[in-house]
C-alpha atoms as a PDB file:
ATOM      1  CA  MET A   1      14.906 -30.470 -55.823  1.00  0.00           C
ATOM      2  CA  LEU A   2      15.551 -29.533 -52.206  1.00  0.00           C
ATOM      3  CA  SER A   3      16.683 -26.021 -51.443  1.00  0.00           C
ATOM      4  CA  ASN A   4      19.727 -25.269 -49.319  1.00  0.00           C
ATOM      5  CA  LEU A   5      17.422 -23.673 -46.753  1.00  0.00           C
ATOM      6  CA  THR A   6      15.390 -26.897 -46.478  1.00  0.00           C
ATOM      7  CA  LEU A   7      18.515 -29.010 -46.100  1.00  0.00           C
ATOM      8  CA  LYS A   8      19.935 -26.679 -43.449  1.00  0.00           C
ATOM      9  CA  ARG A   9      16.653 -26.706 -41.524  1.00  0.00           C
ATOM     10  CA  HIS A  10      16.510 -30.493 -41.472  1.00  0.00           C
ATOM     11  CA  ALA A  11      20.220 -30.872 -40.722  1.00  0.00           C
ATOM     12  CA  ASP A  12      19.589 -28.683 -37.679  1.00  0.00           C
ATOM     13  CA  LEU A  13      16.567 -30.782 -36.673  1.00  0.00           C
ATOM     14  CA  VAL A  14      18.587 -34.007 -36.972  1.00  0.00           C
ATOM     15  CA  ASP A  15      21.383 -32.520 -34.869  1.00  0.00           C
ATOM     16  CA  ARG A  16      18.986 -31.189 -32.236  1.00  0.00           C
ATOM     17  CA  MET A  17      17.076 -34.491 -32.072  1.00  0.00           C
ATOM     18  CA  ALA A  18      20.346 -36.396 -31.727  1.00  0.00           C
ATOM     19  CA  THR A  19      21.401 -34.088 -28.900  1.00  0.00           C
ATOM     20  CA  ALA A  20      18.024 -34.615 -27.219  1.00  0.00           C
ATOM     21  CA  GLN A  21      18.694 -38.361 -27.389  1.00  0.00           C
ATOM     22  CA  GLY A  22      22.132 -37.916 -25.833  1.00  0.00           C
ATOM     23  CA  VAL A  23      23.932 -38.491 -29.136  1.00  0.00           C
ATOM     24  CA  ASP A  24      26.801 -36.296 -30.273  1.00  0.00           C
ATOM     25  CA  LEU A  25      26.873 -36.751 -34.046  1.00  0.00           C
ATOM     26  CA  GLU A  26      30.442 -35.468 -34.355  1.00  0.00           C
ATOM     27  CA  GLU A  27      31.643 -37.873 -31.669  1.00  0.00           C
ATOM     28  CA  SER A  28      29.739 -40.696 -33.391  1.00  0.00           C
ATOM     29  CA  MET A  29      31.521 -39.954 -36.648  1.00  0.00           C
ATOM     30  CA  MET A  30      34.947 -39.735 -34.997  1.00  0.00           C
ATOM     31  CA  ALA A  31      34.312 -43.060 -33.242  1.00  0.00           C
ATOM     32  CA  GLY A  32      33.450 -44.662 -36.584  1.00  0.00           C
ATOM     33  CA  HIS A  33      29.814 -45.328 -35.665  1.00  0.00           C
ATOM     34  CA  LEU A  34      28.399 -42.959 -38.286  1.00  0.00           C
ATOM     35  CA  THR A  35      29.607 -42.186 -41.790  1.00  0.00           C
ATOM     36  CA  PRO A  36      29.075 -38.884 -43.585  1.00  0.00           C
ATOM     37  CA  GLY A  37      26.816 -40.768 -45.995  1.00  0.00           C
ATOM     38  CA  GLU A  38      24.673 -42.107 -43.158  1.00  0.00           C
ATOM     39  CA  LEU A  39      24.363 -38.621 -41.708  1.00  0.00           C
ATOM     40  CA  GLY A  40      23.337 -37.326 -45.129  1.00  0.00           C
ATOM     41  CA  ASP A  41      20.751 -40.117 -45.376  1.00  0.00           C
ATOM     42  CA  ALA A  42      19.374 -39.120 -41.964  1.00  0.00           C
ATOM     43  CA  VAL A  43      18.989 -35.509 -43.104  1.00  0.00           C
ATOM     44  CA  LEU A  44      17.275 -36.632 -46.323  1.00  0.00           C
ATOM     45  CA  ALA A  45      14.952 -38.896 -44.318  1.00  0.00           C
ATOM     46  CA  CYS A  46      14.097 -35.900 -42.159  1.00  0.00           C
ATOM     47  CA  THR A  47      13.224 -33.822 -45.228  1.00  0.00           C
ATOM     48  CA  GLY A  48      10.548 -36.403 -46.020  1.00  0.00           C
ATOM     49  CA  CYS A  49       8.772 -35.709 -42.739  1.00  0.00           C
ATOM     50  CA  ALA A  50       5.414 -34.024 -43.107  1.00  0.00           C
ATOM     51  CA  ALA A  51       5.617 -32.454 -39.638  1.00  0.00           C
ATOM     52  CA  PRO A  52       8.876 -30.537 -39.120  1.00  0.00           C
ATOM     53  CA  GLU A  53       6.968 -27.914 -37.123  1.00  0.00           C
ATOM     54  CA  ALA A  54       5.796 -30.620 -34.708  1.00  0.00           C
ATOM     55  CA  CYS A  55       9.403 -31.722 -34.343  1.00  0.00           C
ATOM     56  CA  GLU A  56      10.502 -28.177 -33.547  1.00  0.00           C
ATOM     57  CA  HIS A  57       7.768 -27.896 -30.896  1.00  0.00           C
ATOM     58  CA  TRP A  58       8.695 -31.300 -29.446  1.00  0.00           C
ATOM     59  CA  LEU A  59      12.356 -30.309 -29.206  1.00  0.00           C
ATOM     60  CA  ALA A  60      11.448 -27.063 -27.456  1.00  0.00           C
ATOM     61  CA  ALA A  61       9.295 -28.876 -24.896  1.00  0.00           C
ATOM     62  CA  HIS A  62      11.389 -31.937 -24.001  1.00  0.00           C
ATOM     63  CA  ASP A  63      14.528 -32.481 -22.020  1.00  0.00           C
ATOM     64  CA  ALA A  64      17.592 -34.403 -23.082  1.00  0.00           C
ATOM     65  CA  GLY A  65      17.341 -38.133 -22.615  1.00  0.00           C
ATOM     66  CA  GLU A  66      13.706 -38.527 -23.602  1.00  0.00           C
ATOM     67  CA  SER A  67      12.797 -40.940 -26.375  1.00  0.00           C
ATOM     68  CA  ALA A  68      12.280 -39.402 -29.784  1.00  0.00           C
ATOM     69  CA  PRO A  69       8.673 -38.940 -30.861  1.00  0.00           C
ATOM     70  CA  GLY A  70       7.136 -41.842 -32.738  1.00  0.00           C
ATOM     71  CA  TYR A  71       6.994 -39.940 -36.002  1.00  0.00           C
ATOM     72  CA  CYS A  72      10.761 -39.294 -36.117  1.00  0.00           C
ATOM     73  CA  ARG A  73      12.209 -40.996 -39.178  1.00  0.00           C
ATOM     74  CA  ASN A  74      15.608 -41.330 -37.502  1.00  0.00           C
ATOM     75  CA  THR A  75      14.604 -42.937 -34.201  1.00  0.00           C
ATOM     76  CA  GLU A  76      16.212 -46.299 -35.009  1.00  0.00           C
ATOM     77  CA  LEU A  77      19.501 -44.667 -36.020  1.00  0.00           C
ATOM     78  CA  LEU A  78      19.584 -42.473 -32.917  1.00  0.00           C
ATOM     79  CA  VAL A  79      18.799 -45.376 -30.565  1.00  0.00           C
ATOM     80  CA  ASP A  80      21.589 -47.396 -32.193  1.00  0.00           C
ATOM     81  CA  LEU A  81      24.093 -44.536 -31.929  1.00  0.00           C
ATOM     82  CA  ALA A  82      23.179 -43.883 -28.280  1.00  0.00           C
ATOM     83  CA  ALA A  83      23.774 -47.554 -27.470  1.00  0.00           C
ATOM     84  CA  ARG A  84      27.126 -47.570 -29.278  1.00  0.00           C
ATOM     85  CA  LEU A  85      28.314 -44.429 -27.513  1.00  0.00           C
ATOM     86  CA  ALA A  86      27.281 -45.849 -24.131  1.00  0.00           C
ATOM     87  CA  ARG A  87      29.605 -48.843 -24.521  1.00  0.00           C
END
């Protein structure tokens, strides 16, 4: 079972990675492009990552607008949301 601390850490990573991709998760939800369930699935996918420390380092070293690292389990979702918000 996942601890609250683990879930909070990965929720933060998902939010920070989305921001780095130019995606506002709250705006995506309000626009109907993302459901609470999909956001929860993204956080759970993130918890399955074996390299959250690498993600934290990547986020600290990269500017907004750069493509997510290849190991990110939510890249497809974030690319889709960025495209929807750009319309």
